[in-house]
C-alpha cells in the first residue's frame, strides 16, 4: 500500500522472514528498508530517496505511526517490525546458514566496528563478520571491497539507503558486463540498531515497544537529539495522514 507516495509491503512477520530466506537463495542483491514516519516525510522532499524506497525489494513497516496510517485508510497492518528486531532476525538466519556479513559503520557513530564485531562474534559464532569504520562522504571507495552475502549499513537515512542503492547498481551493472553472479543477497540500512547491540543505548521495556511508545523512551534518553525527529513522527506525520486525499 502507498502511504504519502511511499510503498509499504503489508506482510505478516512469518511472510517477511520467508521472503528473506528466499532472497538469500536468489542470485541477486535485494534491498530491505524498515520504513517509519520520518522516512516517509523525508521522501516528500527527496525524490531520489522516494524512488529508492519504492524500488526496494522489501519495505517493512517500522513505527506505530505506520499502523495509524493504515487504520486511517481502513486497512489492517499485518505487522510492524523495528529495524533492530529485523536485523537480529536476519543475523539469526545468517548464523544458522553460516553466512558472511559486511558492516558499513559510520566512523563518527556511538559504536565502532571493532565493538560491534566483538559482540556479534560472541552472539553469532557461525557468522564471518567483516567491515570497517567509514566516512559516509567517502563511502564509494569501499564499494569494491564489499562482496558478502549480507550487508548492513548504519549511516542513517537517507544516506544509508542511497549507499545501498549505489551498491545495488554497481552489482547489477557488473553482472550485466561480466555475466557473473555477485555474492550480495541482502543489503539493509539499520540506523542506530548496533548501538542497542553494544549496549550504548538501552532499548525501551517490552511493554512500551508493544503499545508503540518506544519513541517516548528514546526521547527521554536523548531529548535534544530526538526532539525534532519525534515532533515529525508524532505531530507532523499524523497531520499529513489526516489530510491526505
C-alpha atoms as a PDB file:
ATOM      1  CA  UNK A   1       0.000   0.000   0.000  1.00  0.00           C
ATOM      2  CA  UNK A   2       1.105   3.593  -0.629  1.00  0.00           C
ATOM      3  CA  UNK A   3       1.450   5.998   2.311  1.00  0.00           C
ATOM      4  CA  UNK A   4       2.039   9.564   1.073  1.00  0.00           C
ATOM      5  CA  UNK A   5       3.580   8.120  -2.083  1.00  0.00           C
ATOM      6  CA  UNK A   6       5.826   5.530  -0.373  1.00  0.00           C
ATOM      7  CA  UNK A   7       5.153   1.806  -0.755  1.00  0.00           C
ATOM      8  CA  UNK A   8       4.719  -0.281   2.381  1.00  0.00           C
ATOM      9  CA  UNK A   9       4.630  -4.064   1.991  1.00  0.00           C
ATOM     10  CA  UNK A  10       1.854  -5.431   4.153  1.00  0.00           C
ATOM     11  CA  UNK A  11       3.111  -8.872   5.173  1.00  0.00           C
ATOM     12  CA  UNK A  12       2.964 -10.876   8.383  1.00  0.00           C
ATOM     13  CA  UNK A  13       6.217 -11.461  10.249  1.00  0.00           C
ATOM     14  CA  UNK A  14       6.210 -15.070   9.031  1.00  0.00           C
ATOM     15  CA  UNK A  15       5.853 -13.916   5.414  1.00  0.00           C
ATOM     16  CA  UNK A  16       8.636 -11.351   5.844  1.00  0.00           C
ATOM     17  CA  UNK A  17      11.055 -13.964   7.151  1.00  0.00           C
ATOM     18  CA  UNK A  18      10.085 -16.356   4.367  1.00  0.00           C
ATOM     19  CA  UNK A  19      10.864 -13.631   1.833  1.00  0.00           C
ATOM     20  CA  UNK A  20      14.261 -13.059   3.439  1.00  0.00           C
ATOM     21  CA  UNK A  21      15.021 -16.772   3.200  1.00  0.00           C
ATOM     22  CA  UNK A  22      14.068 -16.631  -0.476  1.00  0.00           C
ATOM     23  CA  UNK A  23      16.202 -13.519  -1.065  1.00  0.00           C
ATOM     24  CA  UNK A  24      19.213 -15.394   0.294  1.00  0.00           C
ATOM     25  CA  UNK A  25      18.641 -18.160  -2.242  1.00  0.00           C
ATOM     26  CA  UNK A  26      18.210 -15.854  -5.236  1.00  0.00           C
ATOM     27  CA  UNK A  27      21.324 -14.765  -7.093  1.00  0.00           C
ATOM     28  CA  UNK A  28      20.891 -11.005  -6.948  1.00  0.00           C
ATOM     29  CA  UNK A  29      21.006  -8.195  -4.401  1.00  0.00           C
ATOM     30  CA  UNK A  30      17.807  -7.316  -2.519  1.00  0.00           C
ATOM     31  CA  UNK A  31      17.403  -4.012  -0.701  1.00  0.00           C
ATOM     32  CA  UNK A  32      15.383  -4.108   2.510  1.00  0.00           C
ATOM     33  CA  UNK A  33      14.099  -0.926   4.186  1.00  0.00           C
ATOM     34  CA  UNK A  34      12.350  -0.545   7.522  1.00  0.00           C
ATOM     35  CA  UNK A  35      10.119   2.427   6.783  1.00  0.00           C
ATOM     36  CA  UNK A  36       8.965   4.720   9.584  1.00  0.00           C
ATOM     37  CA  UNK A  37       7.104   8.070   9.508  1.00  0.00           C
ATOM     38  CA  UNK A  38      10.385  10.011   9.291  1.00  0.00           C
ATOM     39  CA  UNK A  39      11.341   8.106   6.135  1.00  0.00           C
ATOM     40  CA  UNK A  40       8.022   8.991   4.535  1.00  0.00           C
ATOM     41  CA  UNK A  41       8.280  12.681   5.460  1.00  0.00           C
ATOM     42  CA  UNK A  42      11.816  12.869   4.087  1.00  0.00           C
ATOM     43  CA  UNK A  43      10.670  11.163   0.901  1.00  0.00           C
ATOM     44  CA  UNK A  44       8.227  14.038   0.308  1.00  0.00           C
ATOM     45  CA  UNK A  45      11.207  16.372  -0.152  1.00  0.00           C
ATOM     46  CA  UNK A  46      13.772  13.959  -1.598  1.00  0.00           C
ATOM     47  CA  UNK A  47      12.672  12.421  -4.899  1.00  0.00           C
ATOM     48  CA  UNK A  48      15.775  10.211  -5.128  1.00  0.00           C
ATOM     49  CA  UNK A  49      15.110   8.745  -1.679  1.00  0.00           C
ATOM     50  CA  UNK A  50      11.436   8.168  -2.532  1.00  0.00           C
ATOM     51  CA  UNK A  51      12.402   6.384  -5.745  1.00  0.00           C
ATOM     52  CA  UNK A  52      14.907   4.160  -3.907  1.00  0.00           C
ATOM     53  CA  UNK A  53      12.297   3.165  -1.316  1.00  0.00           C
ATOM     54  CA  UNK A  54       9.703   2.385  -3.950  1.00  0.00           C
ATOM     55  CA  UNK A  55      12.177   0.218  -5.873  1.00  0.00           C
ATOM     56  CA  UNK A  56      13.363  -1.692  -2.797  1.00  0.00           C
ATOM     57  CA  UNK A  57      12.616  -5.408  -2.811  1.00  0.00           C
ATOM     58  CA  UNK A  58      11.051  -5.252   0.666  1.00  0.00           C
ATOM     59  CA  UNK A  59       9.684  -2.304   2.672  1.00  0.00           C
ATOM     60  CA  UNK A  60       8.772  -3.320   6.214  1.00  0.00           C
ATOM     61  CA  UNK A  61       6.603  -1.094   8.414  1.00  0.00           C
ATOM     62  CA  UNK A  62       8.576   0.299  11.367  1.00  0.00           C
ATOM     63  CA  UNK A  63       6.827   2.536  13.860  1.00  0.00           C
ATOM     64  CA  UNK A  64       3.348   2.833  15.318  1.00  0.00           C
ATOM     65  CA  UNK A  65       2.667   5.803  13.043  1.00  0.00           C
ATOM     66  CA  UNK A  66       2.521   3.445  10.053  1.00  0.00           C
ATOM     67  CA  UNK A  67      -0.107   1.375  11.866  1.00  0.00           C
ATOM     68  CA  UNK A  68      -2.238   4.503  12.355  1.00  0.00           C
ATOM     69  CA  UNK A  69      -1.758   5.447   8.688  1.00  0.00           C
ATOM     70  CA  UNK A  70      -3.121   2.045   7.651  1.00  0.00           C
ATOM     71  CA  UNK A  71      -6.025   2.468  10.075  1.00  0.00           C
ATOM     72  CA  UNK A  72      -6.779   5.879   8.540  1.00  0.00           C
ATOM     73  CA  UNK A  73      -7.120   4.118   5.175  1.00  0.00           C
ATOM     74  CA  UNK A  74      -9.295   1.426   6.777  1.00  0.00           C
ATOM     75  CA  UNK A  75      -6.634  -1.202   6.214  1.00  0.00           C
ATOM     76  CA  UNK A  76      -5.144  -3.705   8.646  1.00  0.00           C
ATOM     77  CA  UNK A  77      -1.351  -3.665   9.019  1.00  0.00           C
ATOM     78  CA  UNK A  78      -0.262  -7.289   9.356  1.00  0.00           C
ATOM     79  CA  UNK A  79       2.916  -6.498  11.313  1.00  0.00           C
ATOM     80  CA  UNK A  80       5.316  -3.732  12.240  1.00  0.00           C
ATOM     81  CA  UNK A  81       8.905  -4.680  12.968  1.00  0.00           C
ATOM     82  CA  UNK A  82      11.542  -2.345  14.375  1.00  0.00           C
ATOM     83  CA  UNK A  83      14.813  -2.205  12.457  1.00  0.00           C
ATOM     84  CA  UNK A  84      16.759  -3.688  15.374  1.00  0.00           C
ATOM     85  CA  UNK A  85      14.378  -6.664  15.552  1.00  0.00           C
ATOM     86  CA  UNK A  86      14.509  -7.382  11.824  1.00  0.00           C
ATOM     87  CA  UNK A  87      18.288  -7.056  11.826  1.00  0.00           C
ATOM     88  CA  UNK A  88      18.543  -9.605  14.622  1.00  0.00           C
ATOM     89  CA  UNK A  89      16.197 -11.994  12.798  1.00  0.00           C
ATOM     90  CA  UNK A  90      18.455 -11.769   9.735  1.00  0.00           C
ATOM     91  CA  UNK A  91      21.543 -12.335  11.873  1.00  0.00           C
ATOM     92  CA  UNK A  92      19.957 -15.468  13.350  1.00  0.00           C
ATOM     93  CA  UNK A  93      19.308 -16.787   9.838  1.00  0.00           C
ATOM     94  CA  UNK A  94      22.885 -15.895   8.844  1.00  0.00           C
ATOM     95  CA  UNK A  95      24.238 -17.729  11.896  1.00  0.00           C
ATOM     96  CA  UNK A  96      22.218 -20.825  11.049  1.00  0.00           C
ATOM     97  CA  UNK A  97      23.367 -20.755   7.424  1.00  0.00           C
ATOM     98  CA  UNK A  98      26.976 -19.823   8.297  1.00  0.00           C
ATOM     99  CA  UNK A  99      26.960 -16.744   6.063  1.00  0.00           C
ATOM    100  CA  UNK A 100      29.350 -13.812   5.890  1.00  0.00           C
ATOM    101  CA  UNK A 101      28.245 -10.293   6.806  1.00  0.00           C
ATOM    102  CA  UNK A 102      29.736  -6.890   5.951  1.00  0.00           C
ATOM    103  CA  UNK A 103      29.175  -3.924   8.289  1.00  0.00           C
ATOM    104  CA  UNK A 104      29.475  -0.422   6.820  1.00  0.00           C
ATOM    105  CA  UNK A 105      29.784   1.528  10.091  1.00  0.00           C
ATOM    106  CA  UNK A 106      29.663   5.323  10.396  1.00  0.00           C
ATOM    107  CA  UNK A 107      33.078   6.339  11.694  1.00  0.00           C
ATOM    108  CA  UNK A 108      31.543   9.015  13.944  1.00  0.00           C
ATOM    109  CA  UNK A 109      28.811   6.799  15.376  1.00  0.00           C
ATOM    110  CA  UNK A 110      28.456   5.750  19.010  1.00  0.00           C
ATOM    111  CA  UNK A 111      29.673   2.200  18.370  1.00  0.00           C
ATOM    112  CA  UNK A 112      32.840   1.377  16.435  1.00  0.00           C
ATOM    113  CA  UNK A 113      33.190  -1.510  14.018  1.00  0.00           C
ATOM    114  CA  UNK A 114      35.539  -3.301  16.460  1.00  0.00           C
ATOM    115  CA  UNK A 115      32.976  -3.038  19.296  1.00  0.00           C
ATOM    116  CA  UNK A 116      30.140  -4.286  17.111  1.00  0.00           C
ATOM    117  CA  UNK A 117      32.192  -7.136  15.648  1.00  0.00           C
ATOM    118  CA  UNK A 118      33.159  -8.325  19.124  1.00  0.00           C
ATOM    119  CA  UNK A 119      29.535  -8.514  20.268  1.00  0.00           C
ATOM    120  CA  UNK A 120      28.335 -10.199  17.087  1.00  0.00           C
ATOM    121  CA  UNK A 121      31.129 -12.778  17.211  1.00  0.00           C
ATOM    122  CA  UNK A 122      30.056 -13.707  20.733  1.00  0.00           C
ATOM    123  CA  UNK A 123      26.336 -13.847  19.972  1.00  0.00           C
ATOM    124  CA  UNK A 124      26.510 -15.347  16.471  1.00  0.00           C
ATOM    125  CA  UNK A 125      29.656 -17.531  16.401  1.00  0.00           C
ATOM    126  CA  UNK A 126      28.948 -19.031  12.960  1.00  0.00           C
ATOM    127  CA  UNK A 127      28.936 -15.684  11.153  1.00  0.00           C
ATOM    128  CA  UNK A 128      32.056 -14.321   9.479  1.00  0.00           C
ATOM    129  CA  UNK A 129      31.956 -10.569  10.203  1.00  0.00           C
ATOM    130  CA  UNK A 130      33.886  -8.095   8.042  1.00  0.00           C
ATOM    131  CA  UNK A 131      33.650  -4.333   7.620  1.00  0.00           C
ATOM    132  CA  UNK A 132      35.132  -1.033   8.688  1.00  0.00           C
ATOM    133  CA  UNK A 133      34.524   2.389  10.180  1.00  0.00           C
ATOM    134  CA  UNK A 134      33.669   4.534   7.149  1.00  0.00           C
ATOM    135  CA  UNK A 135      33.297   8.222   6.406  1.00  0.00           C
ATOM    136  CA  UNK A 136      29.941   8.301   4.540  1.00  0.00           C
ATOM    137  CA  UNK A 137      31.241  11.130   2.342  1.00  0.00           C
ATOM    138  CA  UNK A 138      33.977   8.807   1.073  1.00  0.00           C
ATOM    139  CA  UNK A 139      31.984   5.579   1.171  1.00  0.00           C
ATOM    140  CA  UNK A 140      32.147   4.943  -2.581  1.00  0.00           C
ATOM    141  CA  UNK A 141      35.785   3.925  -2.139  1.00  0.00           C
ATOM    142  CA  UNK A 142      34.571   0.926  -0.115  1.00  0.00           C
ATOM    143  CA  UNK A 143      32.179  -0.459  -2.725  1.00  0.00           C
ATOM    144  CA  UNK A 144      34.730  -2.675  -4.455  1.00  0.00           C
ATOM    145  CA  UNK A 145      35.631  -4.351  -1.130  1.00  0.00           C
ATOM    146  CA  UNK A 146      32.058  -5.450  -0.421  1.00  0.00           C
ATOM    147  CA  UNK A 147      31.184  -8.889  -1.738  1.00  0.00           C
ATOM    148  CA  UNK A 148      29.432 -10.578   1.174  1.00  0.00           C
ATOM    149  CA  UNK A 149      26.108 -12.394   1.482  1.00  0.00           C
ATOM    150  CA  UNK A 150      24.607  -9.743   3.766  1.00  0.00           C
ATOM    151  CA  UNK A 151      25.398  -6.040   4.125  1.00  0.00           C
ATOM    152  CA  UNK A 152      24.259  -3.779   6.973  1.00  0.00           C
ATOM    153  CA  UNK A 153      24.838  -0.021   6.818  1.00  0.00           C
ATOM    154  CA  UNK A 154      24.261   2.374   9.732  1.00  0.00           C
ATOM    155  CA  UNK A 155      24.857   5.778   8.101  1.00  0.00           C
ATOM    156  CA  UNK A 156      21.332   6.922   8.996  1.00  0.00           C
ATOM    157  CA  UNK A 157      18.585   7.660   6.490  1.00  0.00           C
ATOM    158  CA  UNK A 158      18.571   8.626   3.658  1.00  0.00           C
ATOM    159  CA  UNK A 159      22.346   8.237   3.333  1.00  0.00           C
ATOM    160  CA  UNK A 160      22.375   4.518   4.128  1.00  0.00           C
ATOM    161  CA  UNK A 161      19.625   3.770   1.599  1.00  0.00           C
ATOM    162  CA  UNK A 162      21.447   5.778  -1.077  1.00  0.00           C
ATOM    163  CA  UNK A 163      24.689   3.946  -0.289  1.00  0.00           C
ATOM    164  CA  UNK A 164      22.948   0.588  -0.625  1.00  0.00           C
ATOM    165  CA  UNK A 165      21.309   1.685  -3.877  1.00  0.00           C
ATOM    166  CA  UNK A 166      24.765   2.567  -5.245  1.00  0.00           C
ATOM    167  CA  UNK A 167      25.959  -0.884  -4.161  1.00  0.00           C
ATOM    168  CA  UNK A 168      22.929  -2.430  -5.831  1.00  0.00           C
ATOM    169  CA  UNK A 169      23.537  -0.553  -9.097  1.00  0.00           C
ATOM    170  CA  UNK A 170      27.219  -1.483  -9.030  1.00  0.00           C
ATOM    171  CA  UNK A 171      26.485  -5.177  -8.628  1.00  0.00           C
ATOM    172  CA  UNK A 172      23.736  -5.166 -11.251  1.00  0.00           C
ATOM    173  CA  UNK A 173      25.970  -3.338 -13.746  1.00  0.00           C
ATOM    174  CA  UNK A 174      28.834  -5.736 -13.026  1.00  0.00           C
ATOM    175  CA  UNK A 175      26.618  -8.744 -13.666  1.00  0.00           C
ATOM    176  CA  UNK A 176      25.462  -7.338 -16.985  1.00  0.00           C
ATOM    177  CA  UNK A 177      29.032  -6.639 -18.091  1.00  0.00           C
ATOM    178  CA  UNK A 178      30.672  -9.835 -16.865  1.00  0.00           C
ATOM    179  CA  UNK A 179      27.846 -12.360 -16.881  1.00  0.00           C
ATOM    180  CA  UNK A 180      28.973 -13.429 -13.388  1.00  0.00           C
ATOM    181  CA  UNK A 181      26.824 -13.614 -10.298  1.00  0.00           C
ATOM    182  CA  UNK A 182      27.582 -11.171  -7.478  1.00  0.00           C
ATOM    183  CA  UNK A 183      27.627 -12.529  -3.964  1.00  0.00           C
ATOM    184  CA  UNK A 184      25.498  -9.953  -2.140  1.00  0.00           C
ATOM    185  CA  UNK A 185      21.980 -11.200  -1.486  1.00  0.00           C
ATOM    186  CA  UNK A 186      20.609  -8.787   1.140  1.00  0.00           C
ATOM    187  CA  UNK A 187      21.503  -5.185   1.986  1.00  0.00           C
ATOM    188  CA  UNK A 188      19.719  -3.214   4.697  1.00  0.00           C
ATOM    189  CA  UNK A 189      20.058   0.165   6.407  1.00  0.00           C
ATOM    190  CA  UNK A 190      19.944  -0.256  10.179  1.00  0.00           C
ATOM    191  CA  UNK A 191      20.340   3.270  11.607  1.00  0.00           C
ATOM    192  CA  UNK A 192      21.232   3.137  15.293  1.00  0.00           C
ATOM    193  CA  UNK A 193      20.437  -0.568  15.749  1.00  0.00           C
ATOM    194  CA  UNK A 194      24.039  -1.539  16.527  1.00  0.00           C
ATOM    195  CA  UNK A 195      24.077   0.896  19.456  1.00  0.00           C
ATOM    196  CA  UNK A 196      21.423  -1.309  21.075  1.00  0.00           C
ATOM    197  CA  UNK A 197      23.523  -4.391  20.339  1.00  0.00           C
ATOM    198  CA  UNK A 198      26.618  -2.907  22.008  1.00  0.00           C
ATOM    199  CA  UNK A 199      24.594  -1.518  24.931  1.00  0.00           C
ATOM    200  CA  UNK A 200      25.459   2.115  24.178  1.00  0.00           C
ATOM    201  CA  UNK A 201      21.716   2.830  24.117  1.00  0.00           C
ATOM    202  CA  UNK A 202      19.162   0.911  26.177  1.00  0.00           C
ATOM    203  CA  UNK A 203      16.045  -0.446  24.481  1.00  0.00           C
ATOM    204  CA  UNK A 204      12.608   0.503  25.791  1.00  0.00           C
ATOM    205  CA  UNK A 205      10.873  -2.039  28.054  1.00  0.00           C
ATOM    206  CA  UNK A 206       8.912  -4.639  26.093  1.00  0.00           C
ATOM    207  CA  UNK A 207       5.540  -3.250  27.208  1.00  0.00           C
ATOM    208  CA  UNK A 208       6.431   0.165  25.743  1.00  0.00           C
ATOM    209  CA  UNK A 209       7.527  -1.465  22.479  1.00  0.00           C
ATOM    210  CA  UNK A 210       4.248  -3.366  22.203  1.00  0.00           C
ATOM    211  CA  UNK A 211       1.997  -0.332  22.668  1.00  0.00           C
ATOM    212  CA  UNK A 212       4.053   1.898  20.395  1.00  0.00           C
ATOM    213  CA  UNK A 213       5.733   4.135  22.979  1.00  0.00           C
ATOM    214  CA  UNK A 214       9.340   3.318  22.163  1.00  0.00           C
ATOM    215  CA  UNK A 215       9.675   6.826  20.716  1.00  0.00           C
ATOM    216  CA  UNK A 216       8.935   8.277  24.186  1.00  0.00           C
ATOM    217  CA  UNK A 217      11.671   6.136  25.746  1.00  0.00           C
ATOM    218  CA  UNK A 218      14.156   7.347  23.136  1.00  0.00           C
ATOM    219  CA  UNK A 219      13.123  10.957  23.742  1.00  0.00           C
ATOM    220  CA  UNK A 220      13.728  10.660  27.490  1.00  0.00           C
ATOM    221  CA  UNK A 221      17.214   9.278  26.819  1.00  0.00           C
ATOM    222  CA  UNK A 222      18.182  11.799  24.111  1.00  0.00           C
ATOM    223  CA  UNK A 223      15.830  14.823  24.395  1.00  0.00           C
ATOM    224  CA  UNK A 224      17.921  17.333  22.455  1.00  0.00           C
ATOM    225  CA  UNK A 225      18.773  14.965  19.616  1.00  0.00           C
ATOM    226  CA  UNK A 226      15.319  13.398  19.404  1.00  0.00           C
ATOM    227  CA  UNK A 227      13.014  16.428  19.751  1.00  0.00           C
ATOM    228  CA  UNK A 228      12.723  17.351  16.064  1.00  0.00           C
ATOM    229  CA  UNK A 229      12.581  13.735  14.914  1.00  0.00           C
ATOM    230  CA  UNK A 230       9.834  12.831  17.373  1.00  0.00           C
ATOM    231  CA  UNK A 231       7.881  16.012  16.569  1.00  0.00           C
ATOM    232  CA  UNK A 232       7.901  14.926  12.922  1.00  0.00           C
ATOM    233  CA  UNK A 233       6.805  11.393  13.791  1.00  0.00           C
ATOM    234  CA  UNK A 234       4.033  12.175  16.300  1.00  0.00           C
ATOM    235  CA  UNK A 235       2.770  15.583  15.120  1.00  0.00           C
ATOM    236  CA  UNK A 236       3.672  16.397  11.503  1.00  0.00           C
ATOM    237  CA  UNK A 237       3.149  12.890  10.113  1.00  0.00           C
ATOM    238  CA  UNK A 238      -0.301  12.308  11.679  1.00  0.00           C
ATOM    239  CA  UNK A 239      -1.487  15.712  10.420  1.00  0.00           C
ATOM    240  CA  UNK A 240      -0.390  14.843   6.877  1.00  0.00           C
ATOM    241  CA  UNK A 241      -2.117  11.472   7.117  1.00  0.00           C
ATOM    242  CA  UNK A 242      -5.352  13.015   8.354  1.00  0.00           C
ATOM    243  CA  UNK A 243      -5.498  15.446   5.428  1.00  0.00           C
ATOM    244  CA  UNK A 244      -4.203  13.033   2.787  1.00  0.00           C
ATOM    245  CA  UNK A 245      -6.677  12.573  -0.027  1.00  0.00           C
END
